[in-house]
């Protein structure tokens, strides 16, 4: 079955600990509703470094990507439908959905 990556961009941080708990509760509930289709849930990104084409490294992110989730479903349309229900969208963030292409063993 194909796998899809739901990539998180932007989003506003909670304005209070209570709001953070509420957001996390909604996110856990959404993930739970996906059952066995979740391959790799809730992978936030932290301390991003950008390696530039000239080899220099900067302490910043070249994009606003803030995390990802990997799911396994039949079609990209199903993955998009699932993503539309993600509570991350309520934080002002956006999502991108892409099919992951299996690569042959390169070793």
Foldseek 3Di string as FASTA:
>chain_A
DWKKKKWKFDFADDPDVVSVVVLVVLQVVLVVVQPPQWDFPDAFDDQDWDQDPVRDIDRDDPGRTTGITMGHDDDVVVVVVSVVSHSSVVRVMDIDMDIDDDDDPPD
